[in-house]
Amino acid sequence: MTIMRLALMFLHIPWLAATQCELVSSDLDDCAHQLGMTKLPNNSEGFGFGFGSVQDVELMCRTRWHLKVYVCAHQTITSRCTGGRDSQFRTAMWEFIFDTTRYARAATYLCRAHNLKIFRFHRDSCLLPHESRVQNCSEAYMAFVFAATKQLATHNPSHLTDEAAYADYMKVELTKMYCL
């Protein structure tokens, strides 16, 4: 599951769209354009790794564009949130959603010469031939996670009394859901 998926899911949750401290769908496109990307991949393209088809791994390794887009989008959102009257919860959630630490480590690992050589072998021998069929599973999983995220976002546990506690609760639940 990718940061972009999680962030885009939060776009469609009504209570988050109440103020300027939000991700606008054009934010990611604008950031991608600033970084020279012509288009962002579909959220569920291929195996749903978050950077497009398995054919796009080489580009991701060379440019780390996906991390740069997320950092740019995070800066865009936080610049709109700063100084406003936005909640501690919302700010904490944007920090959590756009934390690229795990994804940077995964990219570093995958993009090591030895690991990339292994990936190329598996890409050509088994991943690529099945990518179009797996995309259906990726789309179904994305729909499931969107529904679960929306339910989680609208569920306010009665035992939590403040925004920080609710943000911590959301982080734990999202971490479990996304296997982070």
N, C-alpha and C. Protein backbone atom coordinates (compact mmCIF):
# COMPACT_ATOMS: atom_id res chain seq x y z
N MET A 1 0.85 -1.17 0.00
CA MET A 1 0.00 0.00 0.00
C MET A 1 0.89 1.23 0.00
N THR A 2 0.48 2.22 -0.73
CA THR A 2 1.34 3.38 -0.87
C THR A 2 0.83 4.58 -0.10
N ILE A 3 1.73 5.52 0.10
CA ILE A 3 1.36 6.78 0.73
C ILE A 3 0.30 7.47 -0.11
N MET A 4 0.50 7.45 -1.43
CA MET A 4 -0.44 8.14 -2.31
C MET A 4 -1.84 7.57 -2.13
N ARG A 5 -1.96 6.26 -2.04
CA ARG A 5 -3.28 5.65 -1.85
C ARG A 5 -3.92 6.15 -0.56
N LEU A 6 -3.16 6.12 0.51
CA LEU A 6 -3.69 6.55 1.79
C LEU A 6 -4.08 8.02 1.75
N ALA A 7 -3.24 8.84 1.18
CA ALA A 7 -3.54 10.27 1.10
C ALA A 7 -4.77 10.52 0.24
N LEU A 8 -4.87 9.84 -0.89
CA LEU A 8 -6.02 10.04 -1.76
C LEU A 8 -7.30 9.53 -1.11
N MET A 9 -7.21 8.50 -0.31
CA MET A 9 -8.39 8.02 0.41
C MET A 9 -8.89 9.07 1.38
N PHE A 10 -7.97 9.77 2.02
CA PHE A 10 -8.36 10.81 2.96
C PHE A 10 -9.00 12.00 2.24
N LEU A 11 -8.77 12.14 0.94
CA LEU A 11 -9.42 13.19 0.17
C LEU A 11 -10.93 13.05 0.20
N HIS A 12 -11.40 11.81 0.23
CA HIS A 12 -12.82 11.54 0.08
C HIS A 12 -13.55 11.38 1.40
N ILE A 13 -12.93 11.75 2.50
CA ILE A 13 -13.58 11.65 3.80
C ILE A 13 -14.10 13.03 4.15
N PRO A 14 -15.44 13.19 4.22
CA PRO A 14 -16.05 14.52 4.34
C PRO A 14 -15.53 15.37 5.47
N TRP A 15 -15.31 14.81 6.67
CA TRP A 15 -14.90 15.67 7.79
C TRP A 15 -13.49 16.20 7.63
N LEU A 16 -12.69 15.62 6.75
CA LEU A 16 -11.34 16.14 6.55
C LEU A 16 -11.33 17.31 5.58
N ALA A 17 -12.38 17.45 4.80
CA ALA A 17 -12.40 18.50 3.79
C ALA A 17 -12.99 19.79 4.33
N ALA A 18 -13.09 19.91 5.62
CA ALA A 18 -13.75 21.05 6.23
C ALA A 18 -12.92 22.32 6.23
N THR A 19 -11.61 22.24 6.08
CA THR A 19 -10.77 23.42 6.12
C THR A 19 -9.76 23.38 4.99
N GLN A 20 -8.88 24.37 4.96
CA GLN A 20 -7.86 24.43 3.92
C GLN A 20 -6.73 23.43 4.15
N CYS A 21 -6.69 22.81 5.29
CA CYS A 21 -5.64 21.85 5.63
C CYS A 21 -6.00 20.50 5.04
N GLU A 22 -5.96 20.41 3.73
CA GLU A 22 -6.36 19.20 3.05
C GLU A 22 -5.51 18.98 1.81
N LEU A 23 -5.53 17.77 1.34
CA LEU A 23 -4.87 17.43 0.09
C LEU A 23 -5.88 17.61 -1.03
N VAL A 24 -5.54 18.42 -1.99
CA VAL A 24 -6.37 18.61 -3.17
C VAL A 24 -5.82 17.66 -4.23
N SER A 25 -6.71 17.04 -5.00
CA SER A 25 -6.24 16.03 -5.96
C SER A 25 -5.18 16.56 -6.90
N SER A 26 -5.22 17.84 -7.21
CA SER A 26 -4.22 18.40 -8.11
C SER A 26 -2.85 18.59 -7.44
N ASP A 27 -2.77 18.52 -6.11
CA ASP A 27 -1.49 18.69 -5.42
C ASP A 27 -0.46 17.68 -5.89
N LEU A 28 -0.85 16.41 -5.95
CA LEU A 28 0.09 15.37 -6.37
C LEU A 28 0.49 15.57 -7.83
N ASP A 29 -0.48 15.90 -8.68
CA ASP A 29 -0.17 16.14 -10.09
C ASP A 29 0.76 17.34 -10.25
N ASP A 30 0.49 18.41 -9.50
CA ASP A 30 1.34 19.60 -9.57
C ASP A 30 2.76 19.29 -9.12
N CYS A 31 2.88 18.53 -8.05
CA CYS A 31 4.22 18.16 -7.56
C CYS A 31 4.93 17.28 -8.58
N ALA A 32 4.21 16.32 -9.16
CA ALA A 32 4.81 15.45 -10.17
C ALA A 32 5.28 16.28 -11.36
N HIS A 33 4.45 17.23 -11.78
CA HIS A 33 4.82 18.08 -12.92
C HIS A 33 6.06 18.91 -12.60
N GLN A 34 6.14 19.45 -11.37
CA GLN A 34 7.32 20.23 -10.97
C GLN A 34 8.59 19.39 -11.03
N LEU A 35 8.43 18.09 -10.81
CA LEU A 35 9.58 17.18 -10.81
C LEU A 35 9.82 16.53 -12.17
N GLY A 36 9.07 16.97 -13.19
CA GLY A 36 9.29 16.48 -14.54
C GLY A 36 8.56 15.18 -14.88
N MET A 37 7.64 14.74 -14.03
CA MET A 37 6.86 13.54 -14.32
C MET A 37 5.66 13.94 -15.17
N THR A 38 5.43 13.20 -16.24
CA THR A 38 4.30 13.55 -17.10
C THR A 38 2.97 13.13 -16.50
N LYS A 39 2.93 11.97 -15.85
CA LYS A 39 1.70 11.55 -15.19
C LYS A 39 2.02 10.57 -14.07
N LEU A 40 1.23 10.65 -13.03
CA LEU A 40 1.36 9.70 -11.93
C LEU A 40 0.70 8.40 -12.34
N PRO A 41 1.22 7.27 -11.89
CA PRO A 41 0.57 6.00 -12.23
C PRO A 41 -0.76 5.87 -11.51
N ASN A 42 -1.63 5.10 -12.10
CA ASN A 42 -2.89 4.75 -11.47
C ASN A 42 -2.56 4.08 -10.13
N ASN A 43 -3.35 4.37 -9.11
CA ASN A 43 -3.08 3.82 -7.77
C ASN A 43 -2.97 2.31 -7.73
N SER A 44 -3.69 1.65 -8.61
CA SER A 44 -3.68 0.18 -8.57
C SER A 44 -3.03 -0.41 -9.80
N GLU A 45 -2.21 0.36 -10.48
CA GLU A 45 -1.55 -0.14 -11.68
C GLU A 45 -0.64 -1.32 -11.34
N GLY A 46 -0.73 -2.33 -12.16
CA GLY A 46 0.12 -3.50 -11.97
C GLY A 46 -0.10 -4.17 -10.64
N PHE A 47 0.97 -4.43 -9.94
CA PHE A 47 0.90 -5.10 -8.65
C PHE A 47 0.55 -4.14 -7.52
N GLY A 48 0.36 -2.87 -7.83
CA GLY A 48 -0.01 -1.90 -6.81
C GLY A 48 1.13 -1.51 -5.90
N PHE A 49 2.36 -1.54 -6.42
CA PHE A 49 3.51 -1.16 -5.60
C PHE A 49 3.57 0.34 -5.34
N GLY A 50 2.87 1.13 -6.16
CA GLY A 50 2.82 2.56 -5.94
C GLY A 50 3.65 3.38 -6.88
N PHE A 51 4.44 2.73 -7.72
CA PHE A 51 5.24 3.49 -8.68
C PHE A 51 4.98 3.01 -10.10
N GLY A 52 3.84 2.41 -10.34
CA GLY A 52 3.45 1.99 -11.68
C GLY A 52 3.70 0.53 -11.93
N SER A 53 3.90 0.23 -13.18
CA SER A 53 4.14 -1.14 -13.62
C SER A 53 5.51 -1.62 -13.13
N VAL A 54 5.70 -2.93 -13.12
CA VAL A 54 7.02 -3.46 -12.78
C VAL A 54 8.05 -2.99 -13.80
N GLN A 55 7.58 -2.55 -14.97
CA GLN A 55 8.49 -2.00 -15.98
C GLN A 55 9.08 -0.65 -15.52
N ASP A 56 8.43 0.00 -14.57
CA ASP A 56 8.83 1.33 -14.12
C ASP A 56 9.81 1.33 -12.95
N VAL A 57 10.23 0.16 -12.50
CA VAL A 57 11.14 0.07 -11.36
C VAL A 57 12.46 0.78 -11.65
N GLU A 58 12.97 0.63 -12.85
CA GLU A 58 14.25 1.26 -13.20
C GLU A 58 14.16 2.78 -13.05
N LEU A 59 13.07 3.37 -13.54
CA LEU A 59 12.88 4.82 -13.43
C LEU A 59 12.78 5.22 -11.96
N MET A 60 12.04 4.46 -11.18
CA MET A 60 11.91 4.75 -9.76
C MET A 60 13.27 4.70 -9.08
N CYS A 61 14.07 3.71 -9.43
CA CYS A 61 15.40 3.58 -8.80
C CYS A 61 16.32 4.73 -9.19
N ARG A 62 16.24 5.16 -10.43
CA ARG A 62 17.11 6.26 -10.88
C ARG A 62 16.72 7.59 -10.26
N THR A 63 15.42 7.85 -10.15
CA THR A 63 14.97 9.19 -9.78
C THR A 63 14.38 9.31 -8.38
N ARG A 64 13.89 8.20 -7.82
CA ARG A 64 13.16 8.22 -6.55
C ARG A 64 12.00 9.22 -6.61
N TRP A 65 11.41 9.35 -7.80
CA TRP A 65 10.38 10.35 -8.03
C TRP A 65 9.21 10.21 -7.06
N HIS A 66 8.83 8.98 -6.72
CA HIS A 66 7.67 8.80 -5.86
C HIS A 66 7.89 9.43 -4.49
N LEU A 67 9.10 9.32 -3.97
CA LEU A 67 9.40 9.93 -2.67
C LEU A 67 9.40 11.45 -2.78
N LYS A 68 9.95 11.96 -3.87
CA LYS A 68 10.00 13.41 -4.07
C LYS A 68 8.60 14.00 -4.21
N VAL A 69 7.70 13.29 -4.91
CA VAL A 69 6.33 13.77 -5.06
C VAL A 69 5.64 13.83 -3.70
N TYR A 70 5.83 12.80 -2.88
CA TYR A 70 5.18 12.77 -1.58
C TYR A 70 5.72 13.87 -0.66
N VAL A 71 7.02 14.10 -0.70
CA VAL A 71 7.62 15.17 0.11
C VAL A 71 7.06 16.52 -0.33
N CYS A 72 6.97 16.74 -1.63
CA CYS A 72 6.42 17.98 -2.16
C CYS A 72 4.96 18.16 -1.73
N ALA A 73 4.16 17.10 -1.86
CA ALA A 73 2.74 17.18 -1.47
C ALA A 73 2.61 17.45 0.02
N HIS A 74 3.45 16.81 0.82
CA HIS A 74 3.42 17.04 2.27
C HIS A 74 3.74 18.50 2.58
N GLN A 75 4.76 19.04 1.92
CA GLN A 75 5.12 20.44 2.14
C GLN A 75 3.98 21.37 1.72
N THR A 76 3.32 21.02 0.62
CA THR A 76 2.20 21.83 0.14
C THR A 76 1.08 21.85 1.17
N ILE A 77 0.74 20.69 1.69
CA ILE A 77 -0.35 20.60 2.66
C ILE A 77 0.01 21.29 3.96
N THR A 78 1.20 21.02 4.47
CA THR A 78 1.56 21.62 5.76
C THR A 78 1.69 23.13 5.64
N SER A 79 2.07 23.63 4.47
CA SER A 79 2.12 25.09 4.31
C SER A 79 0.72 25.69 4.38
N ARG A 80 -0.28 24.94 3.93
CA ARG A 80 -1.66 25.41 4.05
C ARG A 80 -2.17 25.26 5.47
N CYS A 81 -1.65 24.29 6.19
CA CYS A 81 -2.13 24.03 7.56
C CYS A 81 -1.50 24.96 8.58
N THR A 82 -0.26 25.37 8.34
CA THR A 82 0.49 26.16 9.30
C THR A 82 -0.20 27.50 9.55
N GLY A 83 -0.33 27.83 10.81
CA GLY A 83 -0.90 29.11 11.18
C GLY A 83 -2.41 29.12 11.18
N GLY A 84 -3.01 28.07 10.68
CA GLY A 84 -4.46 27.99 10.66
C GLY A 84 -4.99 27.47 11.98
N ARG A 85 -6.26 27.27 12.00
CA ARG A 85 -6.88 26.76 13.22
C ARG A 85 -7.18 25.28 13.06
N ASP A 86 -6.35 24.60 12.30
CA ASP A 86 -6.58 23.19 12.05
C ASP A 86 -6.20 22.36 13.26
N SER A 87 -6.82 21.24 13.34
CA SER A 87 -6.69 20.41 14.52
C SER A 87 -5.33 19.73 14.62
N GLN A 88 -5.00 19.40 15.84
CA GLN A 88 -3.79 18.63 16.12
C GLN A 88 -3.92 17.26 15.45
N PHE A 89 -5.13 16.72 15.45
CA PHE A 89 -5.38 15.42 14.82
C PHE A 89 -5.02 15.46 13.34
N ARG A 90 -5.53 16.44 12.64
CA ARG A 90 -5.30 16.54 11.20
C ARG A 90 -3.80 16.68 10.91
N THR A 91 -3.13 17.52 11.64
CA THR A 91 -1.69 17.72 11.45
C THR A 91 -0.93 16.42 11.71
N ALA A 92 -1.29 15.73 12.78
CA ALA A 92 -0.63 14.45 13.11
C ALA A 92 -0.87 13.42 12.02
N MET A 93 -2.07 13.39 11.47
CA MET A 93 -2.37 12.41 10.42
C MET A 93 -1.59 12.71 9.15
N TRP A 94 -1.46 13.98 8.77
CA TRP A 94 -0.67 14.30 7.57
C TRP A 94 0.79 13.92 7.79
N GLU A 95 1.31 14.15 8.99
CA GLU A 95 2.70 13.75 9.29
C GLU A 95 2.86 12.24 9.13
N PHE A 96 1.90 11.49 9.64
CA PHE A 96 1.95 10.03 9.56
C PHE A 96 1.82 9.55 8.12
N ILE A 97 0.85 10.09 7.40
CA ILE A 97 0.59 9.65 6.03
C ILE A 97 1.79 9.92 5.13
N PHE A 98 2.41 11.06 5.29
CA PHE A 98 3.50 11.43 4.39
C PHE A 98 4.89 11.11 4.94
N ASP A 99 4.97 10.27 5.94
CA ASP A 99 6.27 9.82 6.43
C ASP A 99 6.83 8.83 5.41
N THR A 100 7.86 9.22 4.71
CA THR A 100 8.41 8.39 3.63
C THR A 100 9.54 7.48 4.09
N THR A 101 9.80 7.43 5.39
CA THR A 101 10.94 6.65 5.89
C THR A 101 10.90 5.20 5.42
N ARG A 102 9.78 4.53 5.59
CA ARG A 102 9.69 3.12 5.20
C ARG A 102 9.87 2.94 3.70
N TYR A 103 9.28 3.84 2.94
CA TYR A 103 9.33 3.73 1.49
C TYR A 103 10.73 4.03 0.96
N ALA A 104 11.42 4.94 1.61
CA ALA A 104 12.80 5.24 1.22
C ALA A 104 13.69 4.03 1.50
N ARG A 105 13.49 3.40 2.65
CA ARG A 105 14.27 2.19 2.96
C ARG A 105 13.98 1.07 1.97
N ALA A 106 12.70 0.90 1.62
CA ALA A 106 12.33 -0.15 0.66
C ALA A 106 12.96 0.12 -0.70
N ALA A 107 12.92 1.38 -1.14
CA ALA A 107 13.52 1.73 -2.43
C ALA A 107 15.03 1.52 -2.39
N THR A 108 15.66 1.90 -1.31
CA THR A 108 17.11 1.71 -1.18
C THR A 108 17.45 0.22 -1.27
N TYR A 109 16.67 -0.60 -0.61
CA TYR A 109 16.91 -2.04 -0.63
C TYR A 109 16.70 -2.61 -2.04
N LEU A 110 15.56 -2.30 -2.64
CA LEU A 110 15.26 -2.84 -3.97
C LEU A 110 16.26 -2.36 -5.01
N CYS A 111 16.72 -1.13 -4.89
CA CYS A 111 17.55 -0.53 -5.92
C CYS A 111 19.04 -0.84 -5.78
N ARG A 112 19.44 -1.60 -4.78
CA ARG A 112 20.83 -2.06 -4.72
C ARG A 112 21.08 -2.93 -5.94
N ALA A 113 22.27 -2.83 -6.50
CA ALA A 113 22.58 -3.52 -7.77
C ALA A 113 22.23 -5.00 -7.72
N HIS A 114 22.64 -5.69 -6.67
CA HIS A 114 22.37 -7.13 -6.57
C HIS A 114 20.87 -7.42 -6.51
N ASN A 115 20.15 -6.66 -5.69
CA ASN A 115 18.71 -6.87 -5.54
C ASN A 115 17.95 -6.50 -6.81
N LEU A 116 18.40 -5.45 -7.48
CA LEU A 116 17.77 -5.05 -8.73
C LEU A 116 17.97 -6.12 -9.81
N LYS A 117 19.13 -6.75 -9.80
CA LYS A 117 19.39 -7.84 -10.75
C LYS A 117 18.42 -9.00 -10.49
N ILE A 118 18.22 -9.34 -9.24
CA ILE A 118 17.27 -10.39 -8.88
C ILE A 118 15.85 -9.98 -9.29
N PHE A 119 15.50 -8.72 -9.01
CA PHE A 119 14.17 -8.24 -9.38
C PHE A 119 13.96 -8.32 -10.89
N ARG A 120 14.96 -7.90 -11.66
CA ARG A 120 14.84 -7.97 -13.13
C ARG A 120 14.56 -9.40 -13.59
N PHE A 121 15.26 -10.36 -13.01
CA PHE A 121 15.05 -11.76 -13.38
C PHE A 121 13.60 -12.15 -13.11
N HIS A 122 13.11 -11.85 -11.91
CA HIS A 122 11.74 -12.23 -11.55
C HIS A 122 10.71 -11.40 -12.31
N ARG A 123 11.03 -10.15 -12.58
CA ARG A 123 10.12 -9.32 -13.36
C ARG A 123 9.89 -9.96 -14.72
N ASP A 124 10.97 -10.33 -15.38
CA ASP A 124 10.85 -10.86 -16.74
C ASP A 124 10.29 -12.27 -16.77
N SER A 125 10.63 -13.09 -15.76
CA SER A 125 10.21 -14.48 -15.81
C SER A 125 8.83 -14.74 -15.21
N CYS A 126 8.43 -13.96 -14.21
CA CYS A 126 7.14 -14.28 -13.60
C CYS A 126 6.24 -13.09 -13.29
N LEU A 127 6.77 -11.93 -12.98
CA LEU A 127 5.91 -10.81 -12.62
C LEU A 127 5.21 -10.20 -13.83
N LEU A 128 5.96 -9.87 -14.85
CA LEU A 128 5.40 -9.19 -16.02
C LEU A 128 4.31 -10.00 -16.72
N PRO A 129 4.49 -11.30 -16.94
CA PRO A 129 3.44 -12.05 -17.62
C PRO A 129 2.09 -12.06 -16.88
N HIS A 130 2.11 -11.84 -15.57
CA HIS A 130 0.87 -11.92 -14.78
C HIS A 130 0.37 -10.55 -14.32
N GLU A 131 1.07 -9.50 -14.69
CA GLU A 131 0.75 -8.17 -14.15
C GLU A 131 -0.68 -7.74 -14.46
N SER A 132 -1.15 -7.94 -15.67
CA SER A 132 -2.50 -7.47 -16.01
C SER A 132 -3.58 -8.20 -15.20
N ARG A 133 -3.38 -9.48 -14.93
CA ARG A 133 -4.36 -10.23 -14.13
C ARG A 133 -4.30 -9.83 -12.66
N VAL A 134 -3.14 -9.55 -12.17
CA VAL A 134 -2.97 -9.18 -10.77
C VAL A 134 -3.56 -7.80 -10.51
N GLN A 135 -3.60 -6.96 -11.52
CA GLN A 135 -4.14 -5.61 -11.36
C GLN A 135 -5.57 -5.65 -10.84
N ASN A 136 -6.36 -6.63 -11.25
CA ASN A 136 -7.72 -6.76 -10.74
C ASN A 136 -7.71 -6.96 -9.23
N CYS A 137 -6.79 -7.77 -8.74
CA CYS A 137 -6.67 -7.98 -7.29
C CYS A 137 -6.24 -6.69 -6.60
N SER A 138 -5.33 -5.97 -7.22
CA SER A 138 -4.86 -4.72 -6.66
C SER A 138 -6.00 -3.71 -6.55
N GLU A 139 -6.85 -3.65 -7.58
CA GLU A 139 -7.99 -2.74 -7.57
C GLU A 139 -9.00 -3.14 -6.49
N ALA A 140 -9.25 -4.45 -6.36
CA ALA A 140 -10.17 -4.93 -5.33
C ALA A 140 -9.63 -4.63 -3.94
N TYR A 141 -8.33 -4.83 -3.74
CA TYR A 141 -7.72 -4.55 -2.45
C TYR A 141 -7.80 -3.06 -2.13
N MET A 142 -7.57 -2.23 -3.13
CA MET A 142 -7.64 -0.79 -2.93
C MET A 142 -9.05 -0.38 -2.51
N ALA A 143 -10.07 -0.96 -3.14
CA ALA A 143 -11.46 -0.66 -2.79
C ALA A 143 -11.74 -1.09 -1.34
N PHE A 144 -11.25 -2.26 -0.96
CA PHE A 144 -11.43 -2.74 0.41
C PHE A 144 -10.76 -1.81 1.41
N VAL A 145 -9.53 -1.42 1.13
CA VAL A 145 -8.81 -0.57 2.07
C VAL A 145 -9.45 0.82 2.14
N PHE A 146 -9.95 1.32 1.01
CA PHE A 146 -10.64 2.61 1.03
C PHE A 146 -11.86 2.54 1.95
N ALA A 147 -12.65 1.48 1.80
CA ALA A 147 -13.84 1.32 2.64
C ALA A 147 -13.45 1.21 4.11
N ALA A 148 -12.42 0.45 4.40
CA ALA A 148 -11.98 0.29 5.79
C ALA A 148 -11.44 1.60 6.35
N THR A 149 -10.69 2.34 5.53
CA THR A 149 -10.14 3.63 5.97
C THR A 149 -11.27 4.62 6.24
N LYS A 150 -12.25 4.64 5.35
CA LYS A 150 -13.38 5.56 5.52
C LYS A 150 -14.15 5.21 6.80
N GLN A 151 -14.38 3.92 7.03
CA GLN A 151 -15.07 3.50 8.24
C GLN A 151 -14.26 3.87 9.48
N LEU A 152 -12.97 3.66 9.42
CA LEU A 152 -12.10 3.99 10.54
C LEU A 152 -12.12 5.49 10.81
N ALA A 153 -12.09 6.28 9.74
CA ALA A 153 -12.06 7.73 9.89
C ALA A 153 -13.35 8.29 10.46
N THR A 154 -14.47 7.63 10.19
CA THR A 154 -15.74 8.13 10.69
C THR A 154 -16.12 7.51 12.03
N HIS A 155 -15.35 6.54 12.49
CA HIS A 155 -15.59 5.88 13.77
C HIS A 155 -14.80 6.62 14.85
N ASN A 156 -15.49 7.13 15.82
CA ASN A 156 -14.83 7.87 16.88
C ASN A 156 -14.98 7.08 18.18
N PRO A 157 -13.95 6.36 18.57
CA PRO A 157 -14.06 5.55 19.78
C PRO A 157 -14.42 6.40 20.99
N SER A 158 -15.42 5.96 21.71
CA SER A 158 -15.93 6.75 22.83
C SER A 158 -14.94 6.84 23.99
N HIS A 159 -14.01 5.90 24.08
CA HIS A 159 -13.06 5.92 25.20
C HIS A 159 -11.89 6.88 24.97
N LEU A 160 -11.79 7.47 23.79
CA LEU A 160 -10.71 8.42 23.52
C LEU A 160 -11.25 9.83 23.72
N THR A 161 -10.53 10.62 24.49
CA THR A 161 -11.06 11.92 24.88
C THR A 161 -10.39 13.11 24.22
N ASP A 162 -9.29 12.91 23.54
CA ASP A 162 -8.65 14.06 22.92
C ASP A 162 -8.11 13.71 21.53
N GLU A 163 -7.76 14.75 20.80
CA GLU A 163 -7.29 14.57 19.43
C GLU A 163 -6.02 13.76 19.34
N ALA A 164 -5.09 13.98 20.24
CA ALA A 164 -3.82 13.25 20.20
C ALA A 164 -4.06 11.75 20.40
N ALA A 165 -4.95 11.41 21.32
CA ALA A 165 -5.26 9.99 21.55
C ALA A 165 -5.93 9.38 20.32
N TYR A 166 -6.82 10.14 19.69
CA TYR A 166 -7.49 9.63 18.49
C TYR A 166 -6.50 9.49 17.34
N ALA A 167 -5.58 10.43 17.21
CA ALA A 167 -4.55 10.34 16.16
C ALA A 167 -3.68 9.10 16.40
N ASP A 168 -3.31 8.86 17.64
CA ASP A 168 -2.53 7.66 17.96
C ASP A 168 -3.30 6.39 17.62
N TYR A 169 -4.59 6.38 17.94
CA TYR A 169 -5.45 5.24 17.62
C TYR A 169 -5.49 5.01 16.11
N MET A 170 -5.69 6.08 15.34
CA MET A 170 -5.74 5.97 13.87
C MET A 170 -4.41 5.45 13.33
N LYS A 171 -3.31 5.94 13.85
CA LYS A 171 -1.99 5.49 13.37
C LYS A 171 -1.81 3.99 13.59
N VAL A 172 -2.21 3.52 14.77
CA VAL A 172 -2.08 2.08 15.07
C VAL A 172 -2.96 1.27 14.12
N GLU A 173 -4.20 1.70 13.93
CA GLU A 173 -5.12 0.95 13.07
C GLU A 173 -4.66 0.98 11.61
N LEU A 174 -4.22 2.13 11.13
CA LEU A 174 -3.75 2.23 9.75
C LEU A 174 -2.47 1.44 9.55
N THR A 175 -1.61 1.43 10.54
CA THR A 175 -0.37 0.65 10.45
C THR A 175 -0.70 -0.83 10.31
N LYS A 176 -1.66 -1.30 11.09
CA LYS A 176 -2.08 -2.71 10.97
C LYS A 176 -2.70 -2.97 9.60
N MET A 177 -3.57 -2.07 9.16
CA MET A 177 -4.28 -2.26 7.90
C MET A 177 -3.32 -2.28 6.71
N TYR A 178 -2.33 -1.43 6.75
CA TYR A 178 -1.40 -1.31 5.62
C TYR A 178 -0.15 -2.15 5.80
N CYS A 179 -0.10 -2.94 6.87
CA CYS A 179 1.05 -3.81 7.13
C CYS A 179 2.36 -3.03 7.13
N LEU A 180 2.36 -1.86 7.75
CA LEU A 180 3.56 -1.01 7.75
C LEU A 180 4.53 -1.45 8.82
